[in-house]
């Protein structure tokens, strides 16, 4: 797995753990998915 992708996943996990609000989790998760998709498909 790409090191940059690992870092993004770690950031997402930290943000989800720190944020109980579902909207923030959803927004962050969707942002992470759109950020990672081009890298995964490249």
PDB file of N, CA and C in Angstrom:
ATOM      1  N   UNK A   1       0.847  -1.209   0.000  1.00  0.00           N
ATOM      2  CA  UNK A   1       0.000   0.000   0.000  1.00  0.00           C
ATOM      3  C   UNK A   1       0.880   1.256   0.000  1.00  0.00           C
ATOM      4  N   UNK A   2       0.443   2.246  -0.764  1.00  0.00           N
ATOM      5  CA  UNK A   2       1.176   3.507  -0.872  1.00  0.00           C
ATOM      6  C   UNK A   2       1.261   4.223   0.476  1.00  0.00           C
ATOM      7  N   UNK A   3       2.448   4.752   0.788  1.00  0.00           N
ATOM      8  CA  UNK A   3       2.640   5.426   2.080  1.00  0.00           C
ATOM      9  C   UNK A   3       1.707   6.621   2.222  1.00  0.00           C
ATOM     10  N   UNK A   4       1.506   7.379   1.138  1.00  0.00           N
ATOM     11  CA  UNK A   4       0.622   8.553   1.185  1.00  0.00           C
ATOM     12  C   UNK A   4      -0.811   8.128   1.509  1.00  0.00           C
ATOM     13  N   UNK A   5      -1.231   6.989   0.978  1.00  0.00           N
ATOM     14  CA  UNK A   5      -2.585   6.498   1.249  1.00  0.00           C
ATOM     15  C   UNK A   5      -2.704   6.107   2.726  1.00  0.00           C
ATOM     16  N   UNK A   6      -1.650   5.483   3.266  1.00  0.00           N
ATOM     17  CA  UNK A   6      -1.668   5.126   4.686  1.00  0.00           C
ATOM     18  C   UNK A   6      -1.838   6.369   5.550  1.00  0.00           C
ATOM     19  N   UNK A   7      -1.133   7.431   5.196  1.00  0.00           N
ATOM     20  CA  UNK A   7      -1.216   8.682   5.962  1.00  0.00           C
ATOM     21  C   UNK A   7      -2.638   9.233   5.905  1.00  0.00           C
ATOM     22  N   UNK A   8      -3.243   9.229   4.720  1.00  0.00           N
ATOM     23  CA  UNK A   8      -4.615   9.741   4.574  1.00  0.00           C
ATOM     24  C   UNK A   8      -5.588   8.921   5.407  1.00  0.00           C
ATOM     25  N   UNK A   9      -5.417   7.610   5.403  1.00  0.00           N
ATOM     26  CA  UNK A   9      -6.304   6.748   6.181  1.00  0.00           C
ATOM     27  C   UNK A   9      -6.130   7.026   7.668  1.00  0.00           C
ATOM     28  N   UNK A  10      -4.877   7.188   8.109  1.00  0.00           N
ATOM     29  CA  UNK A  10      -4.629   7.499   9.521  1.00  0.00           C
ATOM     30  C   UNK A  10      -5.305   8.809   9.908  1.00  0.00           C
ATOM     31  N   UNK A  11      -5.221   9.817   9.021  1.00  0.00           N
ATOM     32  CA  UNK A  11      -5.868  11.111   9.296  1.00  0.00           C
ATOM     33  C   UNK A  11      -7.375  10.925   9.417  1.00  0.00           C
ATOM     34  N   UNK A  12      -7.936  10.142   8.514  1.00  0.00           N
ATOM     35  CA  UNK A  12      -9.379   9.921   8.524  1.00  0.00           C
ATOM     36  C   UNK A  12      -9.808   9.218   9.810  1.00  0.00           C
ATOM     37  N   UNK A  13      -9.045   8.205  10.219  1.00  0.00           N
ATOM     38  CA  UNK A  13      -9.372   7.465  11.447  1.00  0.00           C
ATOM     39  C   UNK A  13      -9.317   8.398  12.649  1.00  0.00           C
ATOM     40  N   UNK A  14      -8.266   9.236  12.709  1.00  0.00           N
ATOM     41  CA  UNK A  14      -8.137  10.176  13.822  1.00  0.00           C
ATOM     42  C   UNK A  14      -9.318  11.146  13.850  1.00  0.00           C
ATOM     43  N   UNK A  15      -9.689  11.663  12.691  1.00  0.00           N
ATOM     44  CA  UNK A  15     -10.777  12.633  12.621  1.00  0.00           C
ATOM     45  C   UNK A  15     -12.094  11.995  13.059  1.00  0.00           C
ATOM     46  N   UNK A  16     -12.314  10.753  12.642  1.00  0.00           N
ATOM     47  CA  UNK A  16     -13.557  10.067  13.015  1.00  0.00           C
ATOM     48  C   UNK A  16     -13.587   9.806  14.522  1.00  0.00           C
ATOM     49  N   UNK A  17     -12.443   9.417  15.088  1.00  0.00           N
ATOM     50  CA  UNK A  17     -12.395   9.167  16.531  1.00  0.00           C
ATOM     51  C   UNK A  17     -12.632  10.449  17.322  1.00  0.00           C
ATOM     52  N   UNK A  18     -12.126  11.574  16.806  1.00  0.00           N
ATOM     53  CA  UNK A  18     -12.243  12.840  17.520  1.00  0.00           C
ATOM     54  C   UNK A  18     -13.616  13.479  17.339  1.00  0.00           C
ATOM     55  N   UNK A  19     -14.309  13.120  16.253  1.00  0.00           N
ATOM     56  CA  UNK A  19     -15.574  13.773  15.945  1.00  0.00           C
ATOM     57  C   UNK A  19     -16.731  12.800  16.088  1.00  0.00           C
ATOM     58  N   UNK A  20     -17.661  13.141  16.972  1.00  0.00           N
ATOM     59  CA  UNK A  20     -18.831  12.283  17.177  1.00  0.00           C
ATOM     60  C   UNK A  20     -19.964  12.689  16.223  1.00  0.00           C
ATOM     61  N   UNK A  21     -19.862  13.912  15.675  1.00  0.00           N
ATOM     62  CA  UNK A  21     -20.941  14.396  14.810  1.00  0.00           C
ATOM     63  C   UNK A  21     -20.955  13.664  13.463  1.00  0.00           C
ATOM     64  N   UNK A  22     -22.042  13.000  13.115  1.00  0.00           N
ATOM     65  CA  UNK A  22     -22.118  12.213  11.877  1.00  0.00           C
ATOM     66  C   UNK A  22     -21.852  13.048  10.629  1.00  0.00           C
ATOM     67  N   UNK A  23     -22.299  14.295  10.622  1.00  0.00           N
ATOM     68  CA  UNK A  23     -22.098  15.118   9.430  1.00  0.00           C
ATOM     69  C   UNK A  23     -20.621  15.330   9.164  1.00  0.00           C
ATOM     70  N   UNK A  24     -19.863  15.620  10.220  1.00  0.00           N
ATOM     71  CA  UNK A  24     -18.423  15.823  10.043  1.00  0.00           C
ATOM     72  C   UNK A  24     -17.760  14.547   9.561  1.00  0.00           C
ATOM     73  N   UNK A  25     -18.159  13.426  10.130  1.00  0.00           N
ATOM     74  CA  UNK A  25     -17.592  12.137   9.722  1.00  0.00           C
ATOM     75  C   UNK A  25     -17.905  11.897   8.241  1.00  0.00           C
ATOM     76  N   UNK A  26     -19.142  12.141   7.847  1.00  0.00           N
ATOM     77  CA  UNK A  26     -19.545  11.904   6.462  1.00  0.00           C
ATOM     78  C   UNK A  26     -18.759  12.794   5.506  1.00  0.00           C
ATOM     79  N   UNK A  27     -18.660  14.087   5.861  1.00  0.00           N
ATOM     80  CA  UNK A  27     -17.939  15.019   4.990  1.00  0.00           C
ATOM     81  C   UNK A  27     -16.475  14.633   4.873  1.00  0.00           C
ATOM     82  N   UNK A  28     -15.854  14.291   6.002  1.00  0.00           N
ATOM     83  CA  UNK A  28     -14.441  13.931   5.966  1.00  0.00           C
ATOM     84  C   UNK A  28     -14.236  12.648   5.170  1.00  0.00           C
ATOM     85  N   UNK A  29     -15.109  11.661   5.389  1.00  0.00           N
ATOM     86  CA  UNK A  29     -14.972  10.383   4.699  1.00  0.00           C
ATOM     87  C   UNK A  29     -15.151  10.555   3.194  1.00  0.00           C
ATOM     88  N   UNK A  30     -16.146  11.338   2.791  1.00  0.00           N
ATOM     89  CA  UNK A  30     -16.365  11.536   1.359  1.00  0.00           C
ATOM     90  C   UNK A  30     -15.191  12.297   0.745  1.00  0.00           C
ATOM     91  N   UNK A  31     -14.655  13.274   1.480  1.00  0.00           N
ATOM     92  CA  UNK A  31     -13.479  14.002   0.998  1.00  0.00           C
ATOM     93  C   UNK A  31     -12.298  13.046   0.825  1.00  0.00           C
ATOM     94  N   UNK A  32     -12.085  12.187   1.801  1.00  0.00           N
ATOM     95  CA  UNK A  32     -10.973  11.239   1.734  1.00  0.00           C
ATOM     96  C   UNK A  32     -11.137  10.291   0.552  1.00  0.00           C
ATOM     97  N   UNK A  33     -12.367   9.814   0.338  1.00  0.00           N
ATOM     98  CA  UNK A  33     -12.622   8.895  -0.776  1.00  0.00           C
ATOM     99  C   UNK A  33     -12.308   9.583  -2.106  1.00  0.00           C
ATOM    100  N   UNK A  34     -12.797  10.802  -2.304  1.00  0.00           N
ATOM    101  CA  UNK A  34     -12.543  11.505  -3.559  1.00  0.00           C
ATOM    102  C   UNK A  34     -11.067  11.840  -3.720  1.00  0.00           C
ATOM    103  N   UNK A  35     -10.359  12.086  -2.606  1.00  0.00           N
ATOM    104  CA  UNK A  35      -8.922  12.383  -2.677  1.00  0.00           C
ATOM    105  C   UNK A  35      -8.130  11.127  -3.059  1.00  0.00           C
ATOM    106  N   UNK A  36      -8.593   9.960  -2.582  1.00  0.00           N
ATOM    107  CA  UNK A  36      -7.847   8.726  -2.797  1.00  0.00           C
ATOM    108  C   UNK A  36      -8.193   8.024  -4.109  1.00  0.00           C
ATOM    109  N   UNK A  37      -9.400   8.214  -4.618  1.00  0.00           N
ATOM    110  CA  UNK A  37      -9.816   7.503  -5.827  1.00  0.00           C
ATOM    111  C   UNK A  37      -8.836   7.665  -6.986  1.00  0.00           C
ATOM    112  N   UNK A  38      -8.420   8.894  -7.332  1.00  0.00           N
ATOM    113  CA  UNK A  38      -7.508   9.045  -8.474  1.00  0.00           C
ATOM    114  C   UNK A  38      -6.187   8.299  -8.264  1.00  0.00           C
ATOM    115  N   UNK A  39      -5.694   8.283  -7.018  1.00  0.00           N
ATOM    116  CA  UNK A  39      -4.435   7.598  -6.727  1.00  0.00           C
ATOM    117  C   UNK A  39      -4.605   6.086  -6.860  1.00  0.00           C
ATOM    118  N   UNK A  40      -5.740   5.580  -6.415  1.00  0.00           N
ATOM    119  CA  UNK A  40      -5.967   4.136  -6.471  1.00  0.00           C
ATOM    120  C   UNK A  40      -6.159   3.663  -7.913  1.00  0.00           C
ATOM    121  N   UNK A  41      -6.769   4.491  -8.731  1.00  0.00           N
ATOM    122  CA  UNK A  41      -7.071   4.102 -10.108  1.00  0.00           C
ATOM    123  C   UNK A  41      -5.911   4.385 -11.055  1.00  0.00           C
ATOM    124  N   UNK A  42      -4.978   5.237 -10.646  1.00  0.00           N
ATOM    125  CA  UNK A  42      -3.865   5.604 -11.526  1.00  0.00           C
ATOM    126  C   UNK A  42      -3.007   4.380 -11.853  1.00  0.00           C
TER     127      UNK A  42
END
